[in-house]
C-alpha atoms as a PDB file:
ATOM      1  CA  UNK A   1     210.684   7.546-153.500  1.00  0.00           C
ATOM      2  CA  UNK A   2     208.333   6.567-151.078  1.00  0.00           C
ATOM      3  CA  UNK A   3     211.201   5.273-149.161  1.00  0.00           C
ATOM      4  CA  UNK A   4     213.399   8.139-149.199  1.00  0.00           C
ATOM      5  CA  UNK A   5     210.520  10.108-148.303  1.00  0.00           C
ATOM      6  CA  UNK A   6     209.783   8.040-145.588  1.00  0.00           C
ATOM      7  CA  UNK A   7     213.038   8.484-143.738  1.00  0.00           C
ATOM      8  CA  UNK A   8     213.777  11.861-144.500  1.00  0.00           C
ATOM      9  CA  UNK A   9     209.917  12.403-142.537  1.00  0.00           C
ATOM     10  CA  UNK A  10     211.184   9.736-139.594  1.00  0.00           C
ATOM     11  CA  UNK A  11     214.471  11.790-139.385  1.00  0.00           C
ATOM     12  CA  UNK A  12     212.494  14.967-139.326  1.00  0.00           C
ATOM     13  CA  UNK A  13     209.920  13.887-136.417  1.00  0.00           C
ATOM     14  CA  UNK A  14     212.755  12.710-134.501  1.00  0.00           C
ATOM     15  CA  UNK A  15     214.796  15.564-134.979  1.00  0.00           C
ATOM     16  CA  UNK A  16     211.951  17.857-133.899  1.00  0.00           C
ATOM     17  CA  UNK A  17     211.452  15.538-130.663  1.00  0.00           C
ATOM     18  CA  UNK A  18     215.082  15.562-129.680  1.00  0.00           C
ATOM     19  CA  UNK A  19     215.956  19.134-130.373  1.00  0.00           C
ATOM     20  CA  UNK A  20     212.809  20.131-128.782  1.00  0.00           C
ATOM     21  CA  UNK A  21     212.578  18.451-125.940  1.00  0.00           C
ATOM     22  CA  UNK A  22     216.494  19.790-125.424  1.00  0.00           C
ATOM     23  CA  UNK A  23     215.193  23.595-126.020  1.00  0.00           C
ATOM     24  CA  UNK A  24     212.550  22.805-123.157  1.00  0.00           C
ATOM     25  CA  UNK A  25     215.363  20.830-121.147  1.00  0.00           C
ATOM     26  CA  UNK A  26     217.285  24.312-121.268  1.00  0.00           C
ATOM     27  CA  UNK A  27     214.707  26.717-120.811  1.00  0.00           C
ATOM     28  CA  UNK A  28     213.906  25.389-117.533  1.00  0.00           C
ATOM     29  CA  UNK A  29     216.917  24.988-116.412  1.00  0.00           C
ATOM     30  CA  UNK A  30     216.961  28.800-114.551  1.00  0.00           C
ATOM     31  CA  UNK A  31     213.932  27.000-112.409  1.00  0.00           C
ATOM     32  CA  UNK A  32     215.127  23.942-111.319  1.00  0.00           C
ATOM     33  CA  UNK A  33     216.283  23.016-108.171  1.00  0.00           C
ATOM     34  CA  UNK A  34     218.610  20.458-109.002  1.00  0.00           C
ATOM     35  CA  UNK A  35     219.793  21.715-112.714  1.00  0.00           C
ATOM     36  CA  UNK A  36     222.618  19.524-113.414  1.00  0.00           C
ATOM     37  CA  UNK A  37     220.451  16.424-112.262  1.00  0.00           C
ATOM     38  CA  UNK A  38     217.865  17.395-115.063  1.00  0.00           C
ATOM     39  CA  UNK A  39     220.469  17.860-117.877  1.00  0.00           C
ATOM     40  CA  UNK A  40     221.665  14.832-117.406  1.00  0.00           C
ATOM     41  CA  UNK A  41     218.345  12.987-116.588  1.00  0.00           C
ATOM     42  CA  UNK A  42     217.384  14.613-120.236  1.00  0.00           C
ATOM     43  CA  UNK A  43     220.418  13.629-122.262  1.00  0.00           C
ATOM     44  CA  UNK A  44     219.708  10.015-121.031  1.00  0.00           C
ATOM     45  CA  UNK A  45     216.062  10.210-122.110  1.00  0.00           C
ATOM     46  CA  UNK A  46     216.229  12.291-125.411  1.00  0.00           C
ATOM     47  CA  UNK A  47     219.406   9.776-126.285  1.00  0.00           C
ATOM     48  CA  UNK A  48     217.233   6.601-125.856  1.00  0.00           C
ATOM     49  CA  UNK A  49     214.727   8.239-127.448  1.00  0.00           C
ATOM     50  CA  UNK A  50     216.504   8.886-130.414  1.00  0.00           C
ATOM     51  CA  UNK A  51     218.556   5.458-130.462  1.00  0.00           C
ATOM     52  CA  UNK A  52     214.867   3.807-130.400  1.00  0.00           C
ATOM     53  CA  UNK A  53     213.455   5.672-133.284  1.00  0.00           C
ATOM     54  CA  UNK A  54     216.606   5.281-135.342  1.00  0.00           C
ATOM     55  CA  UNK A  55     216.510   1.437-134.930  1.00  0.00           C
ATOM     56  CA  UNK A  56     212.751   1.339-135.943  1.00  0.00           C
ATOM     57  CA  UNK A  57     213.761   3.224-138.496  1.00  0.00           C
ATOM     58  CA  UNK A  58     216.582   0.513-139.238  1.00  0.00           C
ATOM     59  CA  UNK A  59     214.323  -1.901-139.087  1.00  0.00           C
ATOM     60  CA  UNK A  60     212.650  -0.713-142.256  1.00  0.00           C
ATOM     61  CA  UNK A  61     215.981  -0.954-144.239  1.00  0.00           C
ATOM     62  CA  UNK A  62     219.364   0.794-144.898  1.00  0.00           C
ATOM     63  CA  UNK A  63     217.751   3.565-148.001  1.00  0.00           C
ATOM     64  CA  UNK A  64     215.112   4.540-144.409  1.00  0.00           C
ATOM     65  CA  UNK A  65     217.964   4.753-142.329  1.00  0.00           C
ATOM     66  CA  UNK A  66     220.335   6.654-144.219  1.00  0.00           C
ATOM     67  CA  UNK A  67     217.746   8.636-145.760  1.00  0.00           C
ATOM     68  CA  UNK A  68     216.819   9.938-141.952  1.00  0.00           C
ATOM     69  CA  UNK A  69     220.465  11.847-141.695  1.00  0.00           C
ATOM     70  CA  UNK A  70     218.819  14.513-143.382  1.00  0.00           C
ATOM     71  CA  UNK A  71     216.029  14.739-141.780  1.00  0.00           C
ATOM     72  CA  UNK A  72     217.517  15.138-138.268  1.00  0.00           C
ATOM     73  CA  UNK A  73     220.227  17.969-140.347  1.00  0.00           C
ATOM     74  CA  UNK A  74     216.959  19.661-141.079  1.00  0.00           C
ATOM     75  CA  UNK A  75     215.196  19.573-137.957  1.00  0.00           C
ATOM     76  CA  UNK A  76     218.518  20.984-136.077  1.00  0.00           C
ATOM     77  CA  UNK A  77     218.880  23.808-138.871  1.00  0.00           C
ATOM     78  CA  UNK A  78     215.513  24.599-137.926  1.00  0.00           C
ATOM     79  CA  UNK A  79     215.927  24.445-134.110  1.00  0.00           C
ATOM     80  CA  UNK A  80     219.614  26.490-134.738  1.00  0.00           C
ATOM     81  CA  UNK A  81     217.841  29.205-136.449  1.00  0.00           C
ATOM     82  CA  UNK A  82     214.278  30.044-134.099  1.00  0.00           C
ATOM     83  CA  UNK A  83     217.015  30.383-131.241  1.00  0.00           C
ATOM     84  CA  UNK A  84     218.724  32.822-133.515  1.00  0.00           C
ATOM     85  CA  UNK A  85     216.315  34.688-134.466  1.00  0.00           C
ATOM     86  CA  UNK A  86     214.916  34.571-130.739  1.00  0.00           C
ATOM     87  CA  UNK A  87     218.257  36.265-129.903  1.00  0.00           C
ATOM     88  CA  UNK A  88     218.867  38.736-132.515  1.00  0.00           C
ATOM     89  CA  UNK A  89     214.969  40.281-131.487  1.00  0.00           C
ATOM     90  CA  UNK A  90     216.023  40.563-127.735  1.00  0.00           C
ATOM     91  CA  UNK A  91     219.480  42.060-129.089  1.00  0.00           C
ATOM     92  CA  UNK A  92     217.340  44.476-130.857  1.00  0.00           C
ATOM     93  CA  UNK A  93     215.599  45.664-127.442  1.00  0.00           C
ATOM     94  CA  UNK A  94     212.057  43.890-128.690  1.00  0.00           C
ATOM     95  CA  UNK A  95     210.684  41.854-125.800  1.00  0.00           C
ATOM     96  CA  UNK A  96     211.636  38.257-125.847  1.00  0.00           C
ATOM     97  CA  UNK A  97     208.776  36.194-127.173  1.00  0.00           C
ATOM     98  CA  UNK A  98     207.934  32.650-125.253  1.00  0.00           C
ATOM     99  CA  UNK A  99     209.100  29.589-126.903  1.00  0.00           C
ATOM    100  CA  UNK A 100     206.565  28.722-130.299  1.00  0.00           C
ATOM    101  CA  UNK A 101     206.983  28.635-133.394  1.00  0.00           C
ATOM    102  CA  UNK A 102     205.669  32.439-135.264  1.00  0.00           C
END
């Protein structure tokens, strides 16, 4: 059970880093002088860090690697929900909040 929890926690951390960096990149595109370059470099760095993280988790064992997938998906769901809630507030006429967890 501890190995599964370690894998899920690892996947959650990797997912939060991956999708957090994606969110930060997309929010910075309007201020960027070279948005295509920024998006491309962000993609390469995010994939490299995710690959490295999954490689390190795989070295712990198959159980940890397989159980990291639900953690990655949970991080994705959390970010999608956060963006969706932010859009709903803006559509309702509320002032949009800055990128923070409330």
